[in-house]
Amino acid sequence: MWRRRSARRRRRFPWKPFPAALFDLPLREARDHFEKAYLEHHLKLAGGNVGDIAAAVGMERTHLYRKLKGLGIDLRKASLHKNSPTKGTKEG
């Protein structure tokens, strides 16, 4: 049973190895790199919707806004890359 669950996780979360250079950084900097990549990934999945990201990662929305700002993640830039069409445009 355990093997089946872990195999499903691997398909759902294709982990990439961390660059060796991250292991040479102080813990705080390495954590910041990880958090930025993690939140950018969820930002793409949620199409820029901060409420959805907050629910997915288990953070309060206001705290998430502060975290994104502190990591230098621009929500305006991310919202331009949404997967859904904009209002008033035709699909196809």
C-alpha atoms as a PDB file:
ATOM      1  CA  MET A   1       0.000   0.000   0.000  1.00  0.00           C
ATOM      2  CA  TRP A   2       2.762   2.479   0.873  1.00  0.00           C
ATOM      3  CA  ARG A   3       4.453   1.938  -2.468  1.00  0.00           C
ATOM      4  CA  ARG A   4       1.298   2.776  -4.383  1.00  0.00           C
ATOM      5  CA  ARG A   5       0.844   6.056  -2.523  1.00  0.00           C
ATOM      6  CA  SER A   6       4.445   7.129  -2.996  1.00  0.00           C
ATOM      7  CA  ALA A   7       4.273   6.298  -6.714  1.00  0.00           C
ATOM      8  CA  ARG A   8       1.214   8.533  -7.056  1.00  0.00           C
ATOM      9  CA  ARG A   9       3.022  11.329  -5.252  1.00  0.00           C
ATOM     10  CA  ARG A  10       5.957  11.083  -7.617  1.00  0.00           C
ATOM     11  CA  ARG A  11       3.669  11.494 -10.608  1.00  0.00           C
ATOM     12  CA  ARG A  12       1.848  14.413  -9.031  1.00  0.00           C
ATOM     13  CA  PHE A  13       4.966  16.175  -7.727  1.00  0.00           C
ATOM     14  CA  PRO A  14       7.879  15.628 -10.100  1.00  0.00           C
ATOM     15  CA  TRP A  15      10.687  16.795  -7.814  1.00  0.00           C
ATOM     16  CA  LYS A  16      13.752  18.208  -9.426  1.00  0.00           C
ATOM     17  CA  PRO A  17      17.044  17.965  -7.555  1.00  0.00           C
ATOM     18  CA  PHE A  18      18.242  21.143  -5.893  1.00  0.00           C
ATOM     19  CA  PRO A  19      21.285  22.792  -7.444  1.00  0.00           C
ATOM     20  CA  ALA A  20      24.410  21.958  -5.471  1.00  0.00           C
ATOM     21  CA  ALA A  21      25.125  25.688  -5.078  1.00  0.00           C
ATOM     22  CA  LEU A  22      22.110  26.021  -2.735  1.00  0.00           C
ATOM     23  CA  PHE A  23      23.851  23.819  -0.197  1.00  0.00           C
ATOM     24  CA  ASP A  24      26.710  26.327   0.022  1.00  0.00           C
ATOM     25  CA  LEU A  25      24.364  29.189   0.995  1.00  0.00           C
ATOM     26  CA  PRO A  26      23.396  30.142   4.534  1.00  0.00           C
ATOM     27  CA  LEU A  27      20.150  28.487   5.623  1.00  0.00           C
ATOM     28  CA  ARG A  28      18.097  31.690   5.382  1.00  0.00           C
ATOM     29  CA  GLU A  29      19.141  32.345   1.769  1.00  0.00           C
ATOM     30  CA  ALA A  30      18.573  28.713   0.738  1.00  0.00           C
ATOM     31  CA  ARG A  31      15.123  28.812   2.354  1.00  0.00           C
ATOM     32  CA  ASP A  32      14.288  32.036   0.502  1.00  0.00           C
ATOM     33  CA  HIS A  33      15.249  30.425  -2.824  1.00  0.00           C
ATOM     34  CA  PHE A  34      13.055  27.424  -2.061  1.00  0.00           C
ATOM     35  CA  GLU A  35      10.109  29.535  -0.882  1.00  0.00           C
ATOM     36  CA  LYS A  36      10.281  31.716  -3.979  1.00  0.00           C
ATOM     37  CA  ALA A  37      10.307  28.726  -6.339  1.00  0.00           C
ATOM     38  CA  TYR A  38       7.523  27.053  -4.327  1.00  0.00           C
ATOM     39  CA  LEU A  39       5.261  30.094  -4.349  1.00  0.00           C
ATOM     40  CA  GLU A  40       5.940  30.872  -8.027  1.00  0.00           C
ATOM     41  CA  HIS A  41       4.920  27.295  -8.849  1.00  0.00           C
ATOM     42  CA  HIS A  42       1.653  27.663  -6.938  1.00  0.00           C
ATOM     43  CA  LEU A  43       1.125  31.102  -8.456  1.00  0.00           C
ATOM     44  CA  LYS A  44       1.197  29.561 -11.935  1.00  0.00           C
ATOM     45  CA  LEU A  45      -1.144  26.744 -10.890  1.00  0.00           C
ATOM     46  CA  ALA A  46      -3.652  29.184  -9.388  1.00  0.00           C
ATOM     47  CA  GLY A  47      -3.444  31.621 -12.294  1.00  0.00           C
ATOM     48  CA  GLY A  48      -2.417  34.454  -9.989  1.00  0.00           C
ATOM     49  CA  ASN A  49      -5.363  34.057  -7.583  1.00  0.00           C
ATOM     50  CA  VAL A  50      -3.842  34.793  -4.171  1.00  0.00           C
ATOM     51  CA  GLY A  51      -6.840  33.389  -2.286  1.00  0.00           C
ATOM     52  CA  ASP A  52      -6.420  30.038  -4.031  1.00  0.00           C
ATOM     53  CA  ILE A  53      -2.676  30.027  -3.400  1.00  0.00           C
ATOM     54  CA  ALA A  54      -3.191  30.824   0.282  1.00  0.00           C
ATOM     55  CA  ALA A  55      -5.611  27.904   0.633  1.00  0.00           C
ATOM     56  CA  ALA A  56      -3.283  25.550  -1.250  1.00  0.00           C
ATOM     57  CA  VAL A  57      -0.187  26.365   0.807  1.00  0.00           C
ATOM     58  CA  GLY A  58      -1.937  26.800   4.159  1.00  0.00           C
ATOM     59  CA  MET A  59      -1.215  30.485   4.781  1.00  0.00           C
ATOM     60  CA  GLU A  60      -3.428  33.443   5.544  1.00  0.00           C
ATOM     61  CA  ARG A  61      -3.886  35.671   2.510  1.00  0.00           C
ATOM     62  CA  THR A  62      -2.488  38.790   4.206  1.00  0.00           C
ATOM     63  CA  HIS A  63       0.604  36.898   5.339  1.00  0.00           C
ATOM     64  CA  LEU A  64       1.026  35.507   1.826  1.00  0.00           C
ATOM     65  CA  TYR A  65       0.914  39.018   0.318  1.00  0.00           C
ATOM     66  CA  ARG A  66       3.724  40.075   2.660  1.00  0.00           C
ATOM     67  CA  LYS A  67       5.735  36.948   1.872  1.00  0.00           C
ATOM     68  CA  LEU A  68       5.383  37.465  -1.892  1.00  0.00           C
ATOM     69  CA  LYS A  69       6.456  41.094  -1.563  1.00  0.00           C
ATOM     70  CA  GLY A  70       9.420  40.140   0.628  1.00  0.00           C
ATOM     71  CA  LEU A  71      10.575  37.539  -1.906  1.00  0.00           C
ATOM     72  CA  GLY A  72      10.240  40.012  -4.786  1.00  0.00           C
ATOM     73  CA  ILE A  73       7.419  38.174  -6.560  1.00  0.00           C
ATOM     74  CA  ASP A  74       5.370  40.612  -8.650  1.00  0.00           C
ATOM     75  CA  LEU A  75       1.697  39.632  -8.707  1.00  0.00           C
ATOM     76  CA  ARG A  76       0.926  41.975 -11.591  1.00  0.00           C
ATOM     77  CA  LYS A  77       3.445  40.201 -13.794  1.00  0.00           C
ATOM     78  CA  ALA A  78       2.092  36.806 -12.756  1.00  0.00           C
ATOM     79  CA  SER A  79      -1.523  37.805 -13.428  1.00  0.00           C
ATOM     80  CA  LEU A  80      -0.635  38.542 -17.054  1.00  0.00           C
ATOM     81  CA  HIS A  81       0.249  34.874 -17.523  1.00  0.00           C
ATOM     82  CA  LYS A  82      -3.071  33.379 -16.427  1.00  0.00           C
ATOM     83  CA  ASN A  83      -4.185  30.253 -18.247  1.00  0.00           C
ATOM     84  CA  SER A  84      -7.775  31.452 -18.564  1.00  0.00           C
ATOM     85  CA  PRO A  85      -8.864  33.866 -21.299  1.00  0.00           C
ATOM     86  CA  THR A  86      -9.540  37.445 -20.309  1.00  0.00           C
ATOM     87  CA  LYS A  87     -13.069  38.753 -20.065  1.00  0.00           C
ATOM     88  CA  GLY A  88     -14.508  39.778 -23.393  1.00  0.00           C
ATOM     89  CA  THR A  89     -12.246  37.637 -25.566  1.00  0.00           C
ATOM     90  CA  LYS A  90     -13.260  34.626 -27.566  1.00  0.00           C
ATOM     91  CA  GLU A  91     -11.811  31.194 -26.909  1.00  0.00           C
ATOM     92  CA  GLY A  92     -10.438  29.273 -29.843  1.00  0.00           C
END
